[in-house]
Structure formats: C-alpha cells, structure tokens
C-alpha cells in the first residue's frame, strides 16, 4: 500500500477521534482499511509460502505443502 494512502488513513482516523466523519469520509476510510487489510494478508501469505517447519525428527516441511495437504482432506 502506498505511503500516501496510509497517511490518509491515519489522518481520517485522527479526525474521527475529534469529530464525526462525513459519509464520504467514512466510505473512504473503509475502502482504505480494506486495501490495507488485503496488503497485510498478502504479505503474510507471501512470508508463509517461504517458511519451513523443522520437525522434532529433523525433517523439514514447507508451510505451503502442509496447507495443500489440509485442503485435500
């Protein structure tokens, strides 16, 4: 997410603490929040795709492989 959009989201949140947001501001804040959430989830999923679990017996297992196995069940 762009820095400009994050700054705007922070600005709207600060305004909401001092006064009621207009309907347009509420809509804008909700859109920015949704975009932010999507970016965070995407980043987390990307990190998990490259994460490896080391089992107690020393074997290594990718989280992405584990996830695929669960979805097959």
C-alpha atoms as a PDB file:
ATOM      1  CA  UNK A   1       0.000   0.000   0.000  1.00  0.00           C
ATOM      2  CA  UNK A   2       1.302   3.433  -0.886  1.00  0.00           C
ATOM      3  CA  UNK A   3       2.604   5.702   1.856  1.00  0.00           C
ATOM      4  CA  UNK A   4       0.205   8.438   0.709  1.00  0.00           C
ATOM      5  CA  UNK A   5      -2.798   6.159   1.296  1.00  0.00           C
ATOM      6  CA  UNK A   6      -1.516   5.076   4.711  1.00  0.00           C
ATOM      7  CA  UNK A   7      -1.080   8.713   5.684  1.00  0.00           C
ATOM      8  CA  UNK A   8      -4.635   9.462   4.561  1.00  0.00           C
ATOM      9  CA  UNK A   9      -5.981   6.530   6.574  1.00  0.00           C
ATOM     10  CA  UNK A  10      -4.127   7.804   9.654  1.00  0.00           C
ATOM     11  CA  UNK A  11      -5.473  11.287   9.023  1.00  0.00           C
ATOM     12  CA  UNK A  12      -9.064  10.054   8.804  1.00  0.00           C
ATOM     13  CA  UNK A  13      -8.619   8.043  11.995  1.00  0.00           C
ATOM     14  CA  UNK A  14      -7.296  11.122  13.809  1.00  0.00           C
ATOM     15  CA  UNK A  15     -10.216  13.206  12.537  1.00  0.00           C
ATOM     16  CA  UNK A  16     -12.669  10.533  13.732  1.00  0.00           C
ATOM     17  CA  UNK A  17     -11.318  10.973  17.263  1.00  0.00           C
ATOM     18  CA  UNK A  18     -12.193  14.658  17.281  1.00  0.00           C
ATOM     19  CA  UNK A  19     -15.427  14.750  15.298  1.00  0.00           C
ATOM     20  CA  UNK A  20     -17.928  12.615  13.422  1.00  0.00           C
ATOM     21  CA  UNK A  21     -16.781  11.722   9.913  1.00  0.00           C
ATOM     22  CA  UNK A  22     -18.951  12.603   6.945  1.00  0.00           C
ATOM     23  CA  UNK A  23     -20.459   9.751   4.944  1.00  0.00           C
ATOM     24  CA  UNK A  24     -17.866  10.286   2.186  1.00  0.00           C
ATOM     25  CA  UNK A  25     -15.027  10.216   4.722  1.00  0.00           C
ATOM     26  CA  UNK A  26     -16.424   7.044   6.293  1.00  0.00           C
ATOM     27  CA  UNK A  27     -16.617   5.395   2.885  1.00  0.00           C
ATOM     28  CA  UNK A  28     -13.084   6.477   2.036  1.00  0.00           C
ATOM     29  CA  UNK A  29     -11.756   5.226   5.372  1.00  0.00           C
ATOM     30  CA  UNK A  30     -13.476   1.853   4.911  1.00  0.00           C
ATOM     31  CA  UNK A  31     -12.010   1.473   1.392  1.00  0.00           C
ATOM     32  CA  UNK A  32      -8.546   2.346   2.681  1.00  0.00           C
ATOM     33  CA  UNK A  33      -8.915  -0.088   5.594  1.00  0.00           C
ATOM     34  CA  UNK A  34      -9.947  -2.883   3.230  1.00  0.00           C
ATOM     35  CA  UNK A  35      -6.994  -2.160   0.962  1.00  0.00           C
ATOM     36  CA  UNK A  36      -4.669  -2.137   3.983  1.00  0.00           C
ATOM     37  CA  UNK A  37      -6.057  -5.452   5.247  1.00  0.00           C
ATOM     38  CA  UNK A  38      -5.604  -7.034   1.815  1.00  0.00           C
ATOM     39  CA  UNK A  39      -1.988  -5.823   1.690  1.00  0.00           C
ATOM     40  CA  UNK A  40      -1.232  -7.220   5.160  1.00  0.00           C
ATOM     41  CA  UNK A  41      -2.818 -10.592   4.382  1.00  0.00           C
ATOM     42  CA  UNK A  42      -0.968 -10.766   1.064  1.00  0.00           C
ATOM     43  CA  UNK A  43       2.331 -10.012   2.758  1.00  0.00           C
ATOM     44  CA  UNK A  44       1.696 -12.614   5.441  1.00  0.00           C
ATOM     45  CA  UNK A  45       0.749 -15.259   2.882  1.00  0.00           C
ATOM     46  CA  UNK A  46       3.909 -14.485   0.925  1.00  0.00           C
ATOM     47  CA  UNK A  47       6.008 -14.916   4.059  1.00  0.00           C
ATOM     48  CA  UNK A  48       4.303 -18.182   4.936  1.00  0.00           C
ATOM     49  CA  UNK A  49       4.910 -19.546   1.441  1.00  0.00           C
ATOM     50  CA  UNK A  50       8.652 -19.289   2.139  1.00  0.00           C
ATOM     51  CA  UNK A  51       8.542 -20.605   5.715  1.00  0.00           C
ATOM     52  CA  UNK A  52       9.863 -24.047   6.586  1.00  0.00           C
ATOM     53  CA  UNK A  53       8.946 -26.015   9.713  1.00  0.00           C
ATOM     54  CA  UNK A  54      11.651 -28.196  11.237  1.00  0.00           C
ATOM     55  CA  UNK A  55      10.003 -31.188  12.887  1.00  0.00           C
ATOM     56  CA  UNK A  56      11.417 -32.799  16.062  1.00  0.00           C
ATOM     57  CA  UNK A  57      12.827 -35.661  13.969  1.00  0.00           C
ATOM     58  CA  UNK A  58      14.804 -33.155  11.868  1.00  0.00           C
ATOM     59  CA  UNK A  59      12.696 -33.333   8.730  1.00  0.00           C
ATOM     60  CA  UNK A  60      11.751 -30.102   7.026  1.00  0.00           C
ATOM     61  CA  UNK A  61       8.310 -29.269   5.755  1.00  0.00           C
ATOM     62  CA  UNK A  62       7.153 -26.205   3.865  1.00  0.00           C
ATOM     63  CA  UNK A  63       4.080 -24.482   5.263  1.00  0.00           C
ATOM     64  CA  UNK A  64       2.639 -24.265   1.757  1.00  0.00           C
ATOM     65  CA  UNK A  65       2.873 -28.073   1.389  1.00  0.00           C
ATOM     66  CA  UNK A  66       1.177 -28.568   4.729  1.00  0.00           C
ATOM     67  CA  UNK A  67      -1.608 -26.213   3.726  1.00  0.00           C
ATOM     68  CA  UNK A  68      -2.220 -28.110   0.466  1.00  0.00           C
ATOM     69  CA  UNK A  69      -2.471 -31.408   2.393  1.00  0.00           C
ATOM     70  CA  UNK A  70      -5.088 -29.954   4.721  1.00  0.00           C
ATOM     71  CA  UNK A  71      -7.196 -28.617   1.866  1.00  0.00           C
ATOM     72  CA  UNK A  72      -7.300 -32.096   0.251  1.00  0.00           C
ATOM     73  CA  UNK A  73      -8.889 -33.613   3.368  1.00  0.00           C
END
